[in-house]
Amino acid sequence: MRRLFLMAFVIGAAWPLLSARPSAQAGAAAAAGPLMVVETAKGAIEIRLFRADAPKSVDHILELAKANFYRGQRIHRVERTLVQFGDPQSRDVSKRDYWGTSGSGRPIGTSEVSKKHLHTRGAVGLAHGGNAQLADSQIYILKAASPNLDGVHVVIGQVTKGMEVVDKLAVSDVIKLVTVK
């Protein structure tokens, strides 16, 4: 009888924890931030965005993505450590010498740089010309850790799927579409 009472007590005590688990997981997924999908000519890249840590930066990028700002742009910078896109001039091959010099024309106007998210492989950040408040539409994805960027550029997300695609990207590869889930 005592064993049965103890089992009932343990199961009863665990029931609130078990029943709360699915909603806690759903809450954690929502707190994790939106998922942005970058479809390229070489495959898709999924990026979990850090809205809680860089709300203005993430909201700016989401607004651009939802307005199809990135559709048809090209990768304009590829280095050993990163790939970069987000210049609307990259749609025009005759302007190749100027790729990487433009944006949406609406800088974020604030610096959300922190050391909470580091520049590790797969980190996604916003490029700027030396002033974090001027960051706009240009996004980079790190192919290798770059700790020299920590505290200098805002990290807005992390690649969750598709790093093999990032590794294959080359200058002039086309961004087919950027969507938000």
C-alpha atoms as a PDB file:
ATOM      1  CA  MET A   1       0.000   0.000   0.000  1.00  0.00           C
ATOM      2  CA  ARG A   2       2.799   2.383   0.929  1.00  0.00           C
ATOM      3  CA  ARG A   3       4.582   1.638  -2.385  1.00  0.00           C
ATOM      4  CA  LEU A   4       1.383   2.365  -4.337  1.00  0.00           C
ATOM      5  CA  PHE A   5       0.906   5.656  -2.469  1.00  0.00           C
ATOM      6  CA  LEU A   6       4.529   6.623  -3.177  1.00  0.00           C
ATOM      7  CA  MET A   7       4.128   5.808  -6.899  1.00  0.00           C
ATOM      8  CA  ALA A   8       0.918   7.815  -7.093  1.00  0.00           C
ATOM      9  CA  PHE A   9       2.632  10.706  -5.326  1.00  0.00           C
ATOM     10  CA  VAL A  10       5.646  10.634  -7.687  1.00  0.00           C
ATOM     11  CA  ILE A  11       3.467  10.405 -10.796  1.00  0.00           C
ATOM     12  CA  GLY A  12       1.136  13.092  -9.453  1.00  0.00           C
ATOM     13  CA  ALA A  13       4.052  15.384  -8.635  1.00  0.00           C
ATOM     14  CA  ALA A  14       5.550  14.830 -12.067  1.00  0.00           C
ATOM     15  CA  TRP A  15       2.292  15.410 -13.940  1.00  0.00           C
ATOM     16  CA  PRO A  16       2.478  19.240 -13.879  1.00  0.00           C
ATOM     17  CA  LEU A  17       6.035  19.041 -15.159  1.00  0.00           C
ATOM     18  CA  LEU A  18       5.110  16.628 -17.931  1.00  0.00           C
ATOM     19  CA  SER A  19       2.061  18.589 -19.004  1.00  0.00           C
ATOM     20  CA  ALA A  20       3.998  21.890 -18.968  1.00  0.00           C
ATOM     21  CA  ARG A  21       6.816  20.562 -21.119  1.00  0.00           C
ATOM     22  CA  PRO A  22       5.239  21.037 -24.610  1.00  0.00           C
ATOM     23  CA  SER A  23       4.265  24.650 -23.938  1.00  0.00           C
ATOM     24  CA  ALA A  24       7.692  25.333 -22.425  1.00  0.00           C
ATOM     25  CA  GLN A  25       9.304  23.969 -25.586  1.00  0.00           C
ATOM     26  CA  ALA A  26       7.007  26.059 -27.774  1.00  0.00           C
ATOM     27  CA  GLY A  27       7.865  29.117 -25.699  1.00  0.00           C
ATOM     28  CA  ALA A  28      11.571  28.385 -26.031  1.00  0.00           C
ATOM     29  CA  ALA A  29      11.241  28.127 -29.827  1.00  0.00           C
ATOM     30  CA  ALA A  30       9.396  31.446 -29.966  1.00  0.00           C
ATOM     31  CA  ALA A  31      11.961  33.054 -27.665  1.00  0.00           C
ATOM     32  CA  ALA A  32      14.722  31.742 -29.919  1.00  0.00           C
ATOM     33  CA  GLY A  33      13.595  34.113 -32.654  1.00  0.00           C
ATOM     34  CA  PRO A  34      12.341  33.830 -36.205  1.00  0.00           C
ATOM     35  CA  LEU A  35      13.875  31.574 -38.828  1.00  0.00           C
ATOM     36  CA  MET A  36      15.099  33.225 -42.024  1.00  0.00           C
ATOM     37  CA  VAL A  37      15.688  31.088 -45.113  1.00  0.00           C
ATOM     38  CA  VAL A  38      18.101  32.308 -47.783  1.00  0.00           C
ATOM     39  CA  GLU A  39      17.565  30.413 -51.025  1.00  0.00           C
ATOM     40  CA  THR A  40      20.584  30.580 -53.305  1.00  0.00           C
ATOM     41  CA  ALA A  41      21.448  29.040 -56.641  1.00  0.00           C
ATOM     42  CA  LYS A  42      23.486  26.448 -54.693  1.00  0.00           C
ATOM     43  CA  GLY A  43      20.912  25.566 -52.018  1.00  0.00           C
ATOM     44  CA  ALA A  44      19.111  26.900 -48.959  1.00  0.00           C
ATOM     45  CA  ILE A  45      20.562  28.358 -45.751  1.00  0.00           C
ATOM     46  CA  GLU A  46      18.454  28.501 -42.590  1.00  0.00           C
ATOM     47  CA  ILE A  47      19.296  31.164 -40.029  1.00  0.00           C
ATOM     48  CA  ARG A  48      17.857  31.454 -36.516  1.00  0.00           C
ATOM     49  CA  LEU A  49      17.668  35.168 -35.723  1.00  0.00           C
ATOM     50  CA  PHE A  50      18.426  36.615 -32.282  1.00  0.00           C
ATOM     51  CA  ARG A  51      15.545  39.090 -32.024  1.00  0.00           C
ATOM     52  CA  ALA A  52      15.722  39.240 -28.203  1.00  0.00           C
ATOM     53  CA  ASP A  53      19.355  40.380 -28.313  1.00  0.00           C
ATOM     54  CA  ALA A  54      19.310  42.675 -31.365  1.00  0.00           C
ATOM     55  CA  PRO A  55      15.647  43.653 -31.859  1.00  0.00           C
ATOM     56  CA  LYS A  56      16.091  46.728 -34.068  1.00  0.00           C
ATOM     57  CA  SER A  57      18.694  45.051 -36.276  1.00  0.00           C
ATOM     58  CA  VAL A  58      16.670  41.855 -36.679  1.00  0.00           C
ATOM     59  CA  ASP A  59      13.410  43.730 -37.312  1.00  0.00           C
ATOM     60  CA  HIS A  60      15.157  45.833 -39.986  1.00  0.00           C
ATOM     61  CA  ILE A  61      16.437  42.720 -41.790  1.00  0.00           C
ATOM     62  CA  LEU A  62      13.036  41.012 -41.474  1.00  0.00           C
ATOM     63  CA  GLU A  63      11.321  44.058 -42.974  1.00  0.00           C
ATOM     64  CA  LEU A  64      13.733  43.988 -45.923  1.00  0.00           C
ATOM     65  CA  ALA A  65      13.277  40.229 -46.398  1.00  0.00           C
ATOM     66  CA  LYS A  66       9.480  40.512 -46.349  1.00  0.00           C
ATOM     67  CA  ALA A  67       9.681  43.299 -48.968  1.00  0.00           C
ATOM     68  CA  ASN A  68      11.755  40.995 -51.258  1.00  0.00           C
ATOM     69  CA  PHE A  69      14.724  43.370 -50.986  1.00  0.00           C
ATOM     70  CA  TYR A  70      17.250  40.518 -51.292  1.00  0.00           C
ATOM     71  CA  ARG A  71      15.588  38.731 -54.244  1.00  0.00           C
ATOM     72  CA  GLY A  72      17.876  38.649 -57.264  1.00  0.00           C
ATOM     73  CA  GLN A  73      20.902  40.098 -55.502  1.00  0.00           C
ATOM     74  CA  ARG A  74      24.256  38.406 -55.790  1.00  0.00           C
ATOM     75  CA  ILE A  75      26.887  37.381 -53.314  1.00  0.00           C
ATOM     76  CA  HIS A  76      29.263  40.332 -53.622  1.00  0.00           C
ATOM     77  CA  ARG A  77      32.051  39.316 -51.252  1.00  0.00           C
ATOM     78  CA  VAL A  78      33.660  35.956 -50.568  1.00  0.00           C
ATOM     79  CA  GLU A  79      36.725  35.469 -48.425  1.00  0.00           C
ATOM     80  CA  ARG A  80      38.250  32.506 -46.653  1.00  0.00           C
ATOM     81  CA  THR A  81      36.291  33.442 -43.524  1.00  0.00           C
ATOM     82  CA  LEU A  82      32.983  34.828 -44.840  1.00  0.00           C
ATOM     83  CA  VAL A  83      30.419  35.421 -47.561  1.00  0.00           C
ATOM     84  CA  GLN A  84      28.455  38.655 -47.837  1.00  0.00           C
ATOM     85  CA  PHE A  85      25.358  39.931 -49.631  1.00  0.00           C
ATOM     86  CA  GLY A  86      22.831  42.738 -49.324  1.00  0.00           C
ATOM     87  CA  ASP A  87      23.845  45.359 -51.892  1.00  0.00           C
ATOM     88  CA  PRO A  88      21.018  46.037 -54.377  1.00  0.00           C
ATOM     89  CA  GLN A  89      23.597  47.137 -56.979  1.00  0.00           C
ATOM     90  CA  SER A  90      24.695  43.497 -57.211  1.00  0.00           C
ATOM     91  CA  ARG A  91      21.637  42.784 -59.386  1.00  0.00           C
ATOM     92  CA  ASP A  92      23.404  44.714 -62.169  1.00  0.00           C
ATOM     93  CA  VAL A  93      26.547  42.969 -63.429  1.00  0.00           C
ATOM     94  CA  SER A  94      27.694  46.195 -65.137  1.00  0.00           C
ATOM     95  CA  LYS A  95      28.051  47.753 -61.633  1.00  0.00           C
ATOM     96  CA  ARG A  96      30.299  44.979 -60.301  1.00  0.00           C
ATOM     97  CA  ASP A  97      33.056  47.439 -59.388  1.00  0.00           C
ATOM     98  CA  TYR A  98      30.598  49.080 -56.962  1.00  0.00           C
ATOM     99  CA  TRP A  99      29.147  45.946 -55.359  1.00  0.00           C
ATOM    100  CA  GLY A 100      29.365  46.170 -51.590  1.00  0.00           C
ATOM    101  CA  THR A 101      29.098  49.958 -51.459  1.00  0.00           C
ATOM    102  CA  SER A 102      25.337  50.335 -51.143  1.00  0.00           C
ATOM    103  CA  GLY A 103      22.415  49.263 -49.007  1.00  0.00           C
ATOM    104  CA  SER A 104      18.720  49.915 -48.587  1.00  0.00           C
ATOM    105  CA  GLY A 105      19.387  53.576 -47.823  1.00  0.00           C
ATOM    106  CA  ARG A 106      17.901  53.277 -44.341  1.00  0.00           C
ATOM    107  CA  PRO A 107      20.629  52.528 -41.773  1.00  0.00           C
ATOM    108  CA  ILE A 108      19.454  51.014 -38.501  1.00  0.00           C
ATOM    109  CA  GLY A 109      20.781  54.014 -36.568  1.00  0.00           C
ATOM    110  CA  THR A 110      21.760  52.186 -33.422  1.00  0.00           C
ATOM    111  CA  SER A 111      24.488  49.814 -32.358  1.00  0.00           C
ATOM    112  CA  GLU A 112      23.311  46.536 -30.839  1.00  0.00           C
ATOM    113  CA  VAL A 113      26.827  45.138 -30.694  1.00  0.00           C
ATOM    114  CA  SER A 114      27.380  42.871 -27.696  1.00  0.00           C
ATOM    115  CA  LYS A 115      29.639  40.034 -26.683  1.00  0.00           C
ATOM    116  CA  LYS A 116      26.740  37.673 -25.944  1.00  0.00           C
ATOM    117  CA  HIS A 117      26.905  36.040 -29.400  1.00  0.00           C
ATOM    118  CA  LEU A 118      30.413  35.505 -30.691  1.00  0.00           C
ATOM    119  CA  HIS A 119      31.711  35.406 -34.242  1.00  0.00           C
ATOM    120  CA  THR A 120      31.981  31.632 -34.551  1.00  0.00           C
ATOM    121  CA  ARG A 121      31.508  29.529 -37.690  1.00  0.00           C
ATOM    122  CA  GLY A 122      27.942  30.054 -38.896  1.00  0.00           C
ATOM    123  CA  ALA A 123      27.450  33.384 -37.111  1.00  0.00           C
ATOM    124  CA  VAL A 124      25.434  35.902 -39.120  1.00  0.00           C
ATOM    125  CA  GLY A 125      26.196  39.584 -38.706  1.00  0.00           C
ATOM    126  CA  LEU A 126      25.660  43.010 -40.185  1.00  0.00           C
ATOM    127  CA  ALA A 127      28.429  44.725 -42.102  1.00  0.00           C
ATOM    128  CA  HIS A 128      29.109  48.437 -41.675  1.00  0.00           C
ATOM    129  CA  GLY A 129      31.773  50.832 -42.846  1.00  0.00           C
ATOM    130  CA  GLY A 130      33.396  51.384 -39.465  1.00  0.00           C
ATOM    131  CA  ASN A 131      30.337  52.752 -37.641  1.00  0.00           C
ATOM    132  CA  ALA A 132      27.950  50.123 -36.238  1.00  0.00           C
ATOM    133  CA  GLN A 133      25.093  52.644 -36.296  1.00  0.00           C
ATOM    134  CA  LEU A 134      25.368  52.756 -40.090  1.00  0.00           C
ATOM    135  CA  ALA A 135      24.715  49.020 -40.505  1.00  0.00           C
ATOM    136  CA  ASP A 136      21.896  48.507 -42.999  1.00  0.00           C
ATOM    137  CA  SER A 137      21.143  45.634 -45.361  1.00  0.00           C
ATOM    138  CA  GLN A 138      24.493  43.923 -45.861  1.00  0.00           C
ATOM    139  CA  ILE A 139      24.678  40.557 -44.136  1.00  0.00           C
ATOM    140  CA  TYR A 140      27.701  38.319 -43.723  1.00  0.00           C
ATOM    141  CA  ILE A 141      27.884  34.647 -42.778  1.00  0.00           C
ATOM    142  CA  LEU A 142      31.089  33.384 -41.229  1.00  0.00           C
ATOM    143  CA  LYS A 143      32.740  30.309 -42.702  1.00  0.00           C
ATOM    144  CA  ALA A 144      35.358  30.387 -39.932  1.00  0.00           C
ATOM    145  CA  ALA A 145      35.525  31.880 -36.462  1.00  0.00           C
ATOM    146  CA  SER A 146      36.564  35.541 -36.488  1.00  0.00           C
ATOM    147  CA  PRO A 147      37.009  36.685 -32.882  1.00  0.00           C
ATOM    148  CA  ASN A 148      38.452  39.991 -34.131  1.00  0.00           C
ATOM    149  CA  LEU A 149      34.848  40.955 -35.036  1.00  0.00           C
ATOM    150  CA  ASP A 150      33.512  40.346 -31.496  1.00  0.00           C
ATOM    151  CA  GLY A 151      32.320  43.598 -29.957  1.00  0.00           C
ATOM    152  CA  VAL A 152      32.673  45.390 -33.318  1.00  0.00           C
ATOM    153  CA  HIS A 153      29.795  43.974 -35.414  1.00  0.00           C
ATOM    154  CA  VAL A 154      26.360  42.860 -34.250  1.00  0.00           C
ATOM    155  CA  VAL A 155      25.621  39.144 -34.557  1.00  0.00           C
ATOM    156  CA  ILE A 156      21.964  38.849 -35.565  1.00  0.00           C
ATOM    157  CA  GLY A 157      21.722  35.088 -35.985  1.00  0.00           C
ATOM    158  CA  GLN A 158      23.252  31.666 -36.438  1.00  0.00           C
ATOM    159  CA  VAL A 159      23.072  29.244 -39.374  1.00  0.00           C
ATOM    160  CA  THR A 160      21.093  26.174 -38.285  1.00  0.00           C
ATOM    161  CA  LYS A 161      21.135  24.357 -41.654  1.00  0.00           C
ATOM    162  CA  GLY A 162      23.052  24.821 -44.878  1.00  0.00           C
ATOM    163  CA  MET A 163      26.646  25.568 -43.885  1.00  0.00           C
ATOM    164  CA  GLU A 164      27.706  23.293 -46.745  1.00  0.00           C
ATOM    165  CA  VAL A 165      25.903  25.752 -49.048  1.00  0.00           C
ATOM    166  CA  VAL A 166      27.682  28.732 -47.458  1.00  0.00           C
ATOM    167  CA  ASP A 167      31.023  26.984 -48.040  1.00  0.00           C
ATOM    168  CA  LYS A 168      30.236  26.599 -51.777  1.00  0.00           C
ATOM    169  CA  LEU A 169      29.069  30.162 -52.467  1.00  0.00           C
ATOM    170  CA  ALA A 170      31.101  32.326 -54.840  1.00  0.00           C
ATOM    171  CA  VAL A 171      30.979  35.953 -55.941  1.00  0.00           C
ATOM    172  CA  SER A 172      28.071  36.448 -58.388  1.00  0.00           C
ATOM    173  CA  ASP A 173      25.982  33.536 -57.051  1.00  0.00           C
ATOM    174  CA  VAL A 174      22.357  34.645 -56.989  1.00  0.00           C
ATOM    175  CA  ILE A 175      20.104  35.009 -53.952  1.00  0.00           C
ATOM    176  CA  LYS A 176      16.830  33.640 -55.297  1.00  0.00           C
ATOM    177  CA  LEU A 177      14.687  34.577 -52.322  1.00  0.00           C
ATOM    178  CA  VAL A 178      14.817  35.319 -48.612  1.00  0.00           C
ATOM    179  CA  THR A 179      11.790  34.242 -46.577  1.00  0.00           C
ATOM    180  CA  VAL A 180      10.838  34.266 -42.928  1.00  0.00           C
ATOM    181  CA  LYS A 181       9.200  31.381 -41.037  1.00  0.00           C
END
